[in-house]
Protein backbone atom coordinates (compact mmCIF):
# COMPACT_ATOMS: atom_id res chain seq x y z
CA UNK A 1 0.00 0.00 0.00
CA UNK A 2 1.15 3.51 -0.78
CA UNK A 3 -0.05 6.19 1.69
CA UNK A 4 -0.39 9.66 0.14
CA UNK A 5 -1.26 12.43 2.61
CA UNK A 6 -4.30 14.38 1.46
CA UNK A 7 -4.41 18.20 1.62
CA UNK A 8 -6.12 17.68 5.02
CA UNK A 9 -3.30 16.58 7.31
CA UNK A 10 -3.29 13.08 8.77
CA UNK A 11 -5.86 11.84 6.27
CA UNK A 12 -4.58 9.67 3.45
CA UNK A 13 -5.45 8.43 -0.01
CA UNK A 14 -4.16 4.88 -0.20
CA UNK A 15 -3.12 3.25 -3.44
CA UNK A 16 -3.02 -0.52 -3.54
CA UNK A 17 0.02 -2.28 -4.92
CA UNK A 18 -1.48 -5.34 -6.56
CA UNK A 19 0.45 -8.41 -7.58
CA UNK A 20 -0.91 -9.46 -10.94
CA UNK A 21 -0.58 -11.05 -14.30
CA UNK A 22 -2.91 -10.99 -17.31
CA UNK A 23 -5.61 -13.06 -15.59
CA UNK A 24 -5.68 -11.98 -11.93
CA UNK A 25 -4.58 -9.52 -9.29
CA UNK A 26 -4.19 -9.65 -5.51
CA UNK A 27 -3.60 -6.78 -3.06
CA UNK A 28 -3.57 -6.19 0.66
CA UNK A 29 -6.20 -3.66 1.79
CA UNK A 30 -5.37 -3.68 5.49
CA UNK A 31 -2.09 -4.50 7.20
CA UNK A 32 -1.39 -3.62 10.82
CA UNK A 33 2.33 -3.06 10.11
CA UNK A 34 1.59 -0.66 7.24
CA UNK A 35 -1.03 1.32 9.20
CA UNK A 36 1.30 1.56 12.22
CA UNK A 37 3.68 3.57 9.99
CA UNK A 38 1.11 6.40 9.80
CA UNK A 39 0.29 6.18 13.52
CA UNK A 40 -2.87 4.07 13.22
CA UNK A 41 -2.87 1.65 16.15
CA UNK A 42 -6.59 1.12 16.80
CA UNK A 43 -8.54 -1.94 15.71
CA UNK A 44 -11.27 -1.97 13.12
CA UNK A 45 -14.37 -2.96 15.15
CA UNK A 46 -17.02 -2.77 12.44
CA UNK A 47 -17.06 -3.45 8.70
CA UNK A 48 -19.95 -2.06 6.61
CA UNK A 49 -20.97 -2.44 2.98
CA UNK A 50 -23.17 0.16 1.24
CA UNK A 51 -24.94 0.13 -2.12
CA UNK A 52 -26.24 3.17 -4.04
CA UNK A 53 -28.29 2.63 -7.20
CA UNK A 54 -28.34 5.93 -9.12
CA UNK A 55 -25.63 8.11 -10.67
CA UNK A 56 -25.57 11.61 -9.14
CA UNK A 57 -26.71 10.50 -5.68
CA UNK A 58 -25.10 12.29 -2.73
CA UNK A 59 -24.70 10.51 0.60
CA UNK A 60 -23.41 12.42 3.63
CA UNK A 61 -21.83 14.48 5.11
CA UNK A 62 -21.73 12.20 8.20
CA UNK A 63 -19.67 12.05 11.39
CA UNK A 64 -19.97 10.80 14.96
CA UNK A 65 -19.46 13.29 17.78
CA UNK A 66 -17.08 12.64 20.69
CA UNK A 67 -16.62 10.44 22.54
CA UNK A 68 -17.75 8.21 19.66
CA UNK A 69 -15.66 9.79 16.91
CA UNK A 70 -14.38 7.19 14.50
CA UNK A 71 -11.58 6.56 12.07
CA UNK A 72 -12.82 5.23 8.71
CA UNK A 73 -11.16 3.44 5.83
CA UNK A 74 -13.36 3.59 2.70
CA UNK A 75 -12.96 1.68 -0.57
CA UNK A 76 -15.19 1.56 -3.66
CA UNK A 77 -15.53 -2.01 -4.94
CA UNK A 78 -18.12 -1.41 -7.68
CA UNK A 79 -18.65 1.70 -9.80
CA UNK A 80 -17.08 5.07 -9.02
CA UNK A 81 -17.65 7.85 -6.47
CA UNK A 82 -16.31 11.30 -5.72
CA UNK A 83 -15.45 10.84 -2.04
CA UNK A 84 -15.30 13.96 0.16
CA UNK A 85 -14.02 14.69 3.66
CA UNK A 86 -14.40 17.91 5.68
CA UNK A 87 -11.94 18.77 8.45
CA UNK A 88 -13.93 19.58 11.61
CA UNK A 89 -10.96 19.48 14.01
CA UNK A 90 -11.05 22.72 15.98
CA UNK A 91 -7.26 23.09 16.26
CA UNK A 92 -6.45 22.11 12.68
CA UNK A 93 -4.81 24.40 10.11
CA UNK A 94 -7.33 23.05 7.58
CA UNK A 95 -10.44 23.53 9.79
CA UNK A 96 -13.60 23.61 7.61
CA UNK A 97 -11.65 22.79 4.43
CA UNK A 98 -12.65 19.84 2.29
CA UNK A 99 -10.82 17.41 0.05
CA UNK A 100 -12.24 15.11 -2.59
CA UNK A 101 -10.86 12.06 -4.36
CA UNK A 102 -12.08 9.67 -7.03
CA UNK A 103 -12.55 6.17 -5.64
CA UNK A 104 -13.43 3.43 -8.10
CA UNK A 105 -13.25 -0.29 -8.65
CA UNK A 106 -10.78 0.51 -11.46
CA UNK A 107 -8.28 2.73 -9.61
CA UNK A 108 -8.50 0.61 -6.40
CA UNK A 109 -7.83 3.64 -4.17
CA UNK A 110 -9.00 3.94 -0.56
CA UNK A 111 -9.33 6.91 1.76
CA UNK A 112 -8.24 6.93 5.42
CA UNK A 113 -10.33 9.37 7.44
CA UNK A 114 -9.37 10.45 10.97
CA UNK A 115 -11.69 11.26 13.84
CA UNK A 116 -12.91 14.82 13.49
CA UNK A 117 -13.83 14.61 9.81
CA UNK A 118 -17.22 14.54 8.13
CA UNK A 119 -17.52 12.11 5.21
CA UNK A 120 -19.73 11.75 2.17
CA UNK A 121 -19.70 10.96 -1.53
CA UNK A 122 -21.44 11.41 -4.86
CA UNK A 123 -21.96 8.46 -7.17
CA UNK A 124 -20.42 8.89 -10.62
CA UNK A 125 -21.92 5.66 -11.98
CA UNK A 126 -24.95 3.52 -11.28
CA UNK A 127 -24.69 0.60 -8.83
CA UNK A 128 -21.90 1.81 -6.54
CA UNK A 129 -20.73 -0.31 -3.63
CA UNK A 130 -18.43 0.85 -0.84
CA UNK A 131 -16.72 -1.04 1.97
CA UNK A 132 -16.12 0.86 5.24
CA UNK A 133 -13.83 -0.14 8.11
CA UNK A 134 -14.70 1.67 11.38
CA UNK A 135 -12.66 2.10 14.56
CA UNK A 136 -15.82 2.68 16.65
CA UNK A 137 -19.22 1.04 16.71
CA UNK A 138 -22.12 2.87 15.12
CA UNK A 139 -23.79 4.93 17.85
CA UNK A 140 -27.06 6.43 16.55
CA UNK A 141 -27.41 9.07 19.29
CA UNK A 142 -23.96 10.48 18.47
CA UNK A 143 -24.45 10.69 14.71
CA UNK A 144 -24.39 14.13 13.14
CA UNK A 145 -24.16 15.62 9.68
CA UNK A 146 -23.49 18.73 7.64
CA UNK A 147 -25.62 19.84 4.70
CA UNK A 148 -24.07 18.62 1.44
CA UNK A 149 -24.28 22.13 -0.07
CA UNK A 150 -23.21 24.17 2.97
CA UNK A 151 -22.00 27.55 1.60
CA UNK A 152 -19.20 27.72 4.23
CA UNK A 153 -17.66 24.56 2.78
CA UNK A 154 -18.71 25.08 -0.86
CA UNK A 155 -18.05 21.54 -2.11
CA UNK A 156 -17.75 21.40 -5.88
CA UNK A 157 -19.68 18.21 -6.64
CA UNK A 158 -18.83 16.87 -10.11
CA UNK A 159 -22.43 16.14 -11.16
CA UNK A 160 -25.80 17.77 -10.72
CA UNK A 161 -27.62 16.26 -7.73
CA UNK A 162 -30.01 13.53 -8.85
CA UNK A 163 -30.95 11.95 -5.53
CA UNK A 164 -30.40 12.40 -1.80
CA UNK A 165 -32.06 10.74 1.16
CA UNK A 166 -34.48 12.74 3.27
CA UNK A 167 -32.16 12.23 6.25
CA UNK A 168 -29.08 13.56 4.42
CA UNK A 169 -31.01 16.47 2.93
CA UNK A 170 -32.20 17.46 6.42
CA UNK A 171 -28.69 18.05 7.79
CA UNK A 172 -28.18 21.70 8.73
CA UNK A 173 -25.50 24.10 7.62
CA UNK A 174 -22.63 24.90 9.98
CA UNK A 175 -23.66 27.51 12.53
CA UNK A 176 -21.68 30.74 12.77
CA UNK A 177 -20.48 29.85 16.29
CA UNK A 178 -19.34 26.29 15.39
CA UNK A 179 -16.02 25.71 17.13
CA UNK A 180 -15.25 22.22 15.76
CA UNK A 181 -14.97 18.84 17.39
C-alpha atoms as a PDB file:
ATOM      1  CA  UNK A   1       0.000   0.000   0.000  1.00  0.00           C
ATOM      2  CA  UNK A   2       1.152   3.509  -0.776  1.00  0.00           C
ATOM      3  CA  UNK A   3      -0.054   6.193   1.686  1.00  0.00           C
ATOM      4  CA  UNK A   4      -0.385   9.660   0.139  1.00  0.00           C
ATOM      5  CA  UNK A   5      -1.265  12.431   2.608  1.00  0.00           C
ATOM      6  CA  UNK A   6      -4.304  14.384   1.460  1.00  0.00           C
ATOM      7  CA  UNK A   7      -4.410  18.195   1.621  1.00  0.00           C
ATOM      8  CA  UNK A   8      -6.120  17.680   5.022  1.00  0.00           C
ATOM      9  CA  UNK A   9      -3.299  16.584   7.314  1.00  0.00           C
ATOM     10  CA  UNK A  10      -3.294  13.082   8.774  1.00  0.00           C
ATOM     11  CA  UNK A  11      -5.861  11.844   6.272  1.00  0.00           C
ATOM     12  CA  UNK A  12      -4.582   9.673   3.446  1.00  0.00           C
ATOM     13  CA  UNK A  13      -5.445   8.432  -0.014  1.00  0.00           C
ATOM     14  CA  UNK A  14      -4.158   4.876  -0.199  1.00  0.00           C
ATOM     15  CA  UNK A  15      -3.116   3.251  -3.439  1.00  0.00           C
ATOM     16  CA  UNK A  16      -3.023  -0.516  -3.535  1.00  0.00           C
ATOM     17  CA  UNK A  17       0.025  -2.276  -4.924  1.00  0.00           C
ATOM     18  CA  UNK A  18      -1.484  -5.340  -6.562  1.00  0.00           C
ATOM     19  CA  UNK A  19       0.451  -8.406  -7.581  1.00  0.00           C
ATOM     20  CA  UNK A  20      -0.906  -9.455 -10.943  1.00  0.00           C
ATOM     21  CA  UNK A  21      -0.584 -11.053 -14.300  1.00  0.00           C
ATOM     22  CA  UNK A  22      -2.908 -10.988 -17.311  1.00  0.00           C
ATOM     23  CA  UNK A  23      -5.605 -13.065 -15.587  1.00  0.00           C
ATOM     24  CA  UNK A  24      -5.681 -11.985 -11.931  1.00  0.00           C
ATOM     25  CA  UNK A  25      -4.578  -9.515  -9.291  1.00  0.00           C
ATOM     26  CA  UNK A  26      -4.190  -9.652  -5.509  1.00  0.00           C
ATOM     27  CA  UNK A  27      -3.602  -6.784  -3.062  1.00  0.00           C
ATOM     28  CA  UNK A  28      -3.566  -6.191   0.665  1.00  0.00           C
ATOM     29  CA  UNK A  29      -6.201  -3.662   1.787  1.00  0.00           C
ATOM     30  CA  UNK A  30      -5.372  -3.679   5.485  1.00  0.00           C
ATOM     31  CA  UNK A  31      -2.091  -4.496   7.200  1.00  0.00           C
ATOM     32  CA  UNK A  32      -1.392  -3.621  10.825  1.00  0.00           C
ATOM     33  CA  UNK A  33       2.327  -3.059  10.109  1.00  0.00           C
ATOM     34  CA  UNK A  34       1.586  -0.663   7.241  1.00  0.00           C
ATOM     35  CA  UNK A  35      -1.027   1.316   9.202  1.00  0.00           C
ATOM     36  CA  UNK A  36       1.301   1.562  12.216  1.00  0.00           C
ATOM     37  CA  UNK A  37       3.683   3.572   9.995  1.00  0.00           C
ATOM     38  CA  UNK A  38       1.108   6.401   9.804  1.00  0.00           C
ATOM     39  CA  UNK A  39       0.291   6.179  13.516  1.00  0.00           C
ATOM     40  CA  UNK A  40      -2.869   4.072  13.223  1.00  0.00           C
ATOM     41  CA  UNK A  41      -2.869   1.649  16.151  1.00  0.00           C
ATOM     42  CA  UNK A  42      -6.589   1.121  16.802  1.00  0.00           C
ATOM     43  CA  UNK A  43      -8.535  -1.944  15.709  1.00  0.00           C
ATOM     44  CA  UNK A  44     -11.270  -1.970  13.122  1.00  0.00           C
ATOM     45  CA  UNK A  45     -14.366  -2.955  15.153  1.00  0.00           C
ATOM     46  CA  UNK A  46     -17.018  -2.770  12.443  1.00  0.00           C
ATOM     47  CA  UNK A  47     -17.060  -3.448   8.700  1.00  0.00           C
ATOM     48  CA  UNK A  48     -19.948  -2.058   6.614  1.00  0.00           C
ATOM     49  CA  UNK A  49     -20.966  -2.440   2.976  1.00  0.00           C
ATOM     50  CA  UNK A  50     -23.168   0.156   1.238  1.00  0.00           C
ATOM     51  CA  UNK A  51     -24.943   0.134  -2.124  1.00  0.00           C
ATOM     52  CA  UNK A  52     -26.239   3.166  -4.037  1.00  0.00           C
ATOM     53  CA  UNK A  53     -28.286   2.627  -7.195  1.00  0.00           C
ATOM     54  CA  UNK A  54     -28.345   5.931  -9.118  1.00  0.00           C
ATOM     55  CA  UNK A  55     -25.630   8.111 -10.668  1.00  0.00           C
ATOM     56  CA  UNK A  56     -25.567  11.613  -9.143  1.00  0.00           C
ATOM     57  CA  UNK A  57     -26.713  10.503  -5.676  1.00  0.00           C
ATOM     58  CA  UNK A  58     -25.103  12.295  -2.733  1.00  0.00           C
ATOM     59  CA  UNK A  59     -24.701  10.513   0.605  1.00  0.00           C
ATOM     60  CA  UNK A  60     -23.410  12.421   3.630  1.00  0.00           C
ATOM     61  CA  UNK A  61     -21.829  14.476   5.106  1.00  0.00           C
ATOM     62  CA  UNK A  62     -21.735  12.196   8.197  1.00  0.00           C
ATOM     63  CA  UNK A  63     -19.674  12.047  11.385  1.00  0.00           C
ATOM     64  CA  UNK A  64     -19.971  10.804  14.958  1.00  0.00           C
ATOM     65  CA  UNK A  65     -19.460  13.291  17.784  1.00  0.00           C
ATOM     66  CA  UNK A  66     -17.078  12.639  20.686  1.00  0.00           C
ATOM     67  CA  UNK A  67     -16.617  10.441  22.541  1.00  0.00           C
ATOM     68  CA  UNK A  68     -17.747   8.205  19.664  1.00  0.00           C
ATOM     69  CA  UNK A  69     -15.656   9.790  16.914  1.00  0.00           C
ATOM     70  CA  UNK A  70     -14.383   7.192  14.498  1.00  0.00           C
ATOM     71  CA  UNK A  71     -11.576   6.560  12.067  1.00  0.00           C
ATOM     72  CA  UNK A  72     -12.816   5.231   8.714  1.00  0.00           C
ATOM     73  CA  UNK A  73     -11.164   3.438   5.831  1.00  0.00           C
ATOM     74  CA  UNK A  74     -13.357   3.590   2.701  1.00  0.00           C
ATOM     75  CA  UNK A  75     -12.962   1.676  -0.565  1.00  0.00           C
ATOM     76  CA  UNK A  76     -15.195   1.565  -3.662  1.00  0.00           C
ATOM     77  CA  UNK A  77     -15.528  -2.008  -4.943  1.00  0.00           C
ATOM     78  CA  UNK A  78     -18.124  -1.409  -7.678  1.00  0.00           C
ATOM     79  CA  UNK A  79     -18.649   1.701  -9.801  1.00  0.00           C
ATOM     80  CA  UNK A  80     -17.075   5.072  -9.025  1.00  0.00           C
ATOM     81  CA  UNK A  81     -17.653   7.850  -6.474  1.00  0.00           C
ATOM     82  CA  UNK A  82     -16.310  11.300  -5.718  1.00  0.00           C
ATOM     83  CA  UNK A  83     -15.453  10.844  -2.042  1.00  0.00           C
ATOM     84  CA  UNK A  84     -15.302  13.964   0.160  1.00  0.00           C
ATOM     85  CA  UNK A  85     -14.018  14.690   3.659  1.00  0.00           C
ATOM     86  CA  UNK A  86     -14.397  17.908   5.680  1.00  0.00           C
ATOM     87  CA  UNK A  87     -11.939  18.768   8.453  1.00  0.00           C
ATOM     88  CA  UNK A  88     -13.929  19.582  11.611  1.00  0.00           C
ATOM     89  CA  UNK A  89     -10.963  19.478  14.013  1.00  0.00           C
ATOM     90  CA  UNK A  90     -11.052  22.723  15.977  1.00  0.00           C
ATOM     91  CA  UNK A  91      -7.256  23.086  16.257  1.00  0.00           C
ATOM     92  CA  UNK A  92      -6.453  22.112  12.677  1.00  0.00           C
ATOM     93  CA  UNK A  93      -4.805  24.397  10.110  1.00  0.00           C
ATOM     94  CA  UNK A  94      -7.333  23.050   7.581  1.00  0.00           C
ATOM     95  CA  UNK A  95     -10.437  23.530   9.787  1.00  0.00           C
ATOM     96  CA  UNK A  96     -13.598  23.610   7.609  1.00  0.00           C
ATOM     97  CA  UNK A  97     -11.654  22.795   4.435  1.00  0.00           C
ATOM     98  CA  UNK A  98     -12.645  19.835   2.291  1.00  0.00           C
ATOM     99  CA  UNK A  99     -10.817  17.414   0.046  1.00  0.00           C
ATOM    100  CA  UNK A 100     -12.240  15.111  -2.595  1.00  0.00           C
ATOM    101  CA  UNK A 101     -10.857  12.061  -4.365  1.00  0.00           C
ATOM    102  CA  UNK A 102     -12.081   9.671  -7.033  1.00  0.00           C
ATOM    103  CA  UNK A 103     -12.553   6.171  -5.639  1.00  0.00           C
ATOM    104  CA  UNK A 104     -13.431   3.427  -8.098  1.00  0.00           C
ATOM    105  CA  UNK A 105     -13.247  -0.288  -8.654  1.00  0.00           C
ATOM    106  CA  UNK A 106     -10.784   0.511 -11.460  1.00  0.00           C
ATOM    107  CA  UNK A 107      -8.285   2.732  -9.606  1.00  0.00           C
ATOM    108  CA  UNK A 108      -8.504   0.609  -6.401  1.00  0.00           C
ATOM    109  CA  UNK A 109      -7.830   3.643  -4.170  1.00  0.00           C
ATOM    110  CA  UNK A 110      -8.995   3.939  -0.561  1.00  0.00           C
ATOM    111  CA  UNK A 111      -9.325   6.907   1.760  1.00  0.00           C
ATOM    112  CA  UNK A 112      -8.237   6.935   5.415  1.00  0.00           C
ATOM    113  CA  UNK A 113     -10.331   9.369   7.443  1.00  0.00           C
ATOM    114  CA  UNK A 114      -9.375  10.448  10.967  1.00  0.00           C
ATOM    115  CA  UNK A 115     -11.694  11.264  13.844  1.00  0.00           C
ATOM    116  CA  UNK A 116     -12.907  14.820  13.494  1.00  0.00           C
ATOM    117  CA  UNK A 117     -13.829  14.614   9.807  1.00  0.00           C
ATOM    118  CA  UNK A 118     -17.220  14.538   8.126  1.00  0.00           C
ATOM    119  CA  UNK A 119     -17.515  12.112   5.209  1.00  0.00           C
ATOM    120  CA  UNK A 120     -19.729  11.746   2.165  1.00  0.00           C
ATOM    121  CA  UNK A 121     -19.696  10.963  -1.532  1.00  0.00           C
ATOM    122  CA  UNK A 122     -21.436  11.414  -4.858  1.00  0.00           C
ATOM    123  CA  UNK A 123     -21.963   8.458  -7.174  1.00  0.00           C
ATOM    124  CA  UNK A 124     -20.421   8.888 -10.619  1.00  0.00           C
ATOM    125  CA  UNK A 125     -21.922   5.660 -11.976  1.00  0.00           C
ATOM    126  CA  UNK A 126     -24.951   3.517 -11.281  1.00  0.00           C
ATOM    127  CA  UNK A 127     -24.690   0.600  -8.831  1.00  0.00           C
ATOM    128  CA  UNK A 128     -21.897   1.813  -6.536  1.00  0.00           C
ATOM    129  CA  UNK A 129     -20.733  -0.312  -3.628  1.00  0.00           C
ATOM    130  CA  UNK A 130     -18.428   0.853  -0.844  1.00  0.00           C
ATOM    131  CA  UNK A 131     -16.722  -1.038   1.968  1.00  0.00           C
ATOM    132  CA  UNK A 132     -16.121   0.856   5.240  1.00  0.00           C
ATOM    133  CA  UNK A 133     -13.831  -0.139   8.106  1.00  0.00           C
ATOM    134  CA  UNK A 134     -14.701   1.671  11.378  1.00  0.00           C
ATOM    135  CA  UNK A 135     -12.665   2.099  14.563  1.00  0.00           C
ATOM    136  CA  UNK A 136     -15.821   2.681  16.648  1.00  0.00           C
ATOM    137  CA  UNK A 137     -19.217   1.036  16.713  1.00  0.00           C
ATOM    138  CA  UNK A 138     -22.122   2.873  15.124  1.00  0.00           C
ATOM    139  CA  UNK A 139     -23.785   4.926  17.851  1.00  0.00           C
ATOM    140  CA  UNK A 140     -27.062   6.427  16.553  1.00  0.00           C
ATOM    141  CA  UNK A 141     -27.409   9.073  19.286  1.00  0.00           C
ATOM    142  CA  UNK A 142     -23.958  10.481  18.472  1.00  0.00           C
ATOM    143  CA  UNK A 143     -24.450  10.689  14.713  1.00  0.00           C
ATOM    144  CA  UNK A 144     -24.392  14.128  13.138  1.00  0.00           C
ATOM    145  CA  UNK A 145     -24.156  15.623   9.681  1.00  0.00           C
ATOM    146  CA  UNK A 146     -23.493  18.733   7.636  1.00  0.00           C
ATOM    147  CA  UNK A 147     -25.624  19.841   4.701  1.00  0.00           C
ATOM    148  CA  UNK A 148     -24.072  18.624   1.435  1.00  0.00           C
ATOM    149  CA  UNK A 149     -24.275  22.127  -0.074  1.00  0.00           C
ATOM    150  CA  UNK A 150     -23.214  24.172   2.968  1.00  0.00           C
ATOM    151  CA  UNK A 151     -21.998  27.548   1.600  1.00  0.00           C
ATOM    152  CA  UNK A 152     -19.204  27.717   4.232  1.00  0.00           C
ATOM    153  CA  UNK A 153     -17.657  24.559   2.778  1.00  0.00           C
ATOM    154  CA  UNK A 154     -18.709  25.078  -0.864  1.00  0.00           C
ATOM    155  CA  UNK A 155     -18.046  21.539  -2.105  1.00  0.00           C
ATOM    156  CA  UNK A 156     -17.749  21.399  -5.883  1.00  0.00           C
ATOM    157  CA  UNK A 157     -19.678  18.212  -6.643  1.00  0.00           C
ATOM    158  CA  UNK A 158     -18.826  16.874 -10.112  1.00  0.00           C
ATOM    159  CA  UNK A 159     -22.428  16.139 -11.161  1.00  0.00           C
ATOM    160  CA  UNK A 160     -25.796  17.767 -10.722  1.00  0.00           C
ATOM    161  CA  UNK A 161     -27.623  16.265  -7.729  1.00  0.00           C
ATOM    162  CA  UNK A 162     -30.006  13.532  -8.849  1.00  0.00           C
ATOM    163  CA  UNK A 163     -30.952  11.950  -5.531  1.00  0.00           C
ATOM    164  CA  UNK A 164     -30.404  12.405  -1.798  1.00  0.00           C
ATOM    165  CA  UNK A 165     -32.058  10.743   1.162  1.00  0.00           C
ATOM    166  CA  UNK A 166     -34.484  12.740   3.272  1.00  0.00           C
ATOM    167  CA  UNK A 167     -32.164  12.228   6.247  1.00  0.00           C
ATOM    168  CA  UNK A 168     -29.084  13.562   4.419  1.00  0.00           C
ATOM    169  CA  UNK A 169     -31.014  16.471   2.930  1.00  0.00           C
ATOM    170  CA  UNK A 170     -32.204  17.456   6.422  1.00  0.00           C
ATOM    171  CA  UNK A 171     -28.689  18.054   7.795  1.00  0.00           C
ATOM    172  CA  UNK A 172     -28.182  21.700   8.735  1.00  0.00           C
ATOM    173  CA  UNK A 173     -25.496  24.096   7.621  1.00  0.00           C
ATOM    174  CA  UNK A 174     -22.627  24.902   9.980  1.00  0.00           C
ATOM    175  CA  UNK A 175     -23.661  27.508  12.534  1.00  0.00           C
ATOM    176  CA  UNK A 176     -21.678  30.738  12.772  1.00  0.00           C
ATOM    177  CA  UNK A 177     -20.485  29.850  16.289  1.00  0.00           C
ATOM    178  CA  UNK A 178     -19.344  26.286  15.390  1.00  0.00           C
ATOM    179  CA  UNK A 179     -16.023  25.709  17.126  1.00  0.00           C
ATOM    180  CA  UNK A 180     -15.252  22.224  15.762  1.00  0.00           C
ATOM    181  CA  UNK A 181     -14.975  18.842  17.394  1.00  0.00           C
END
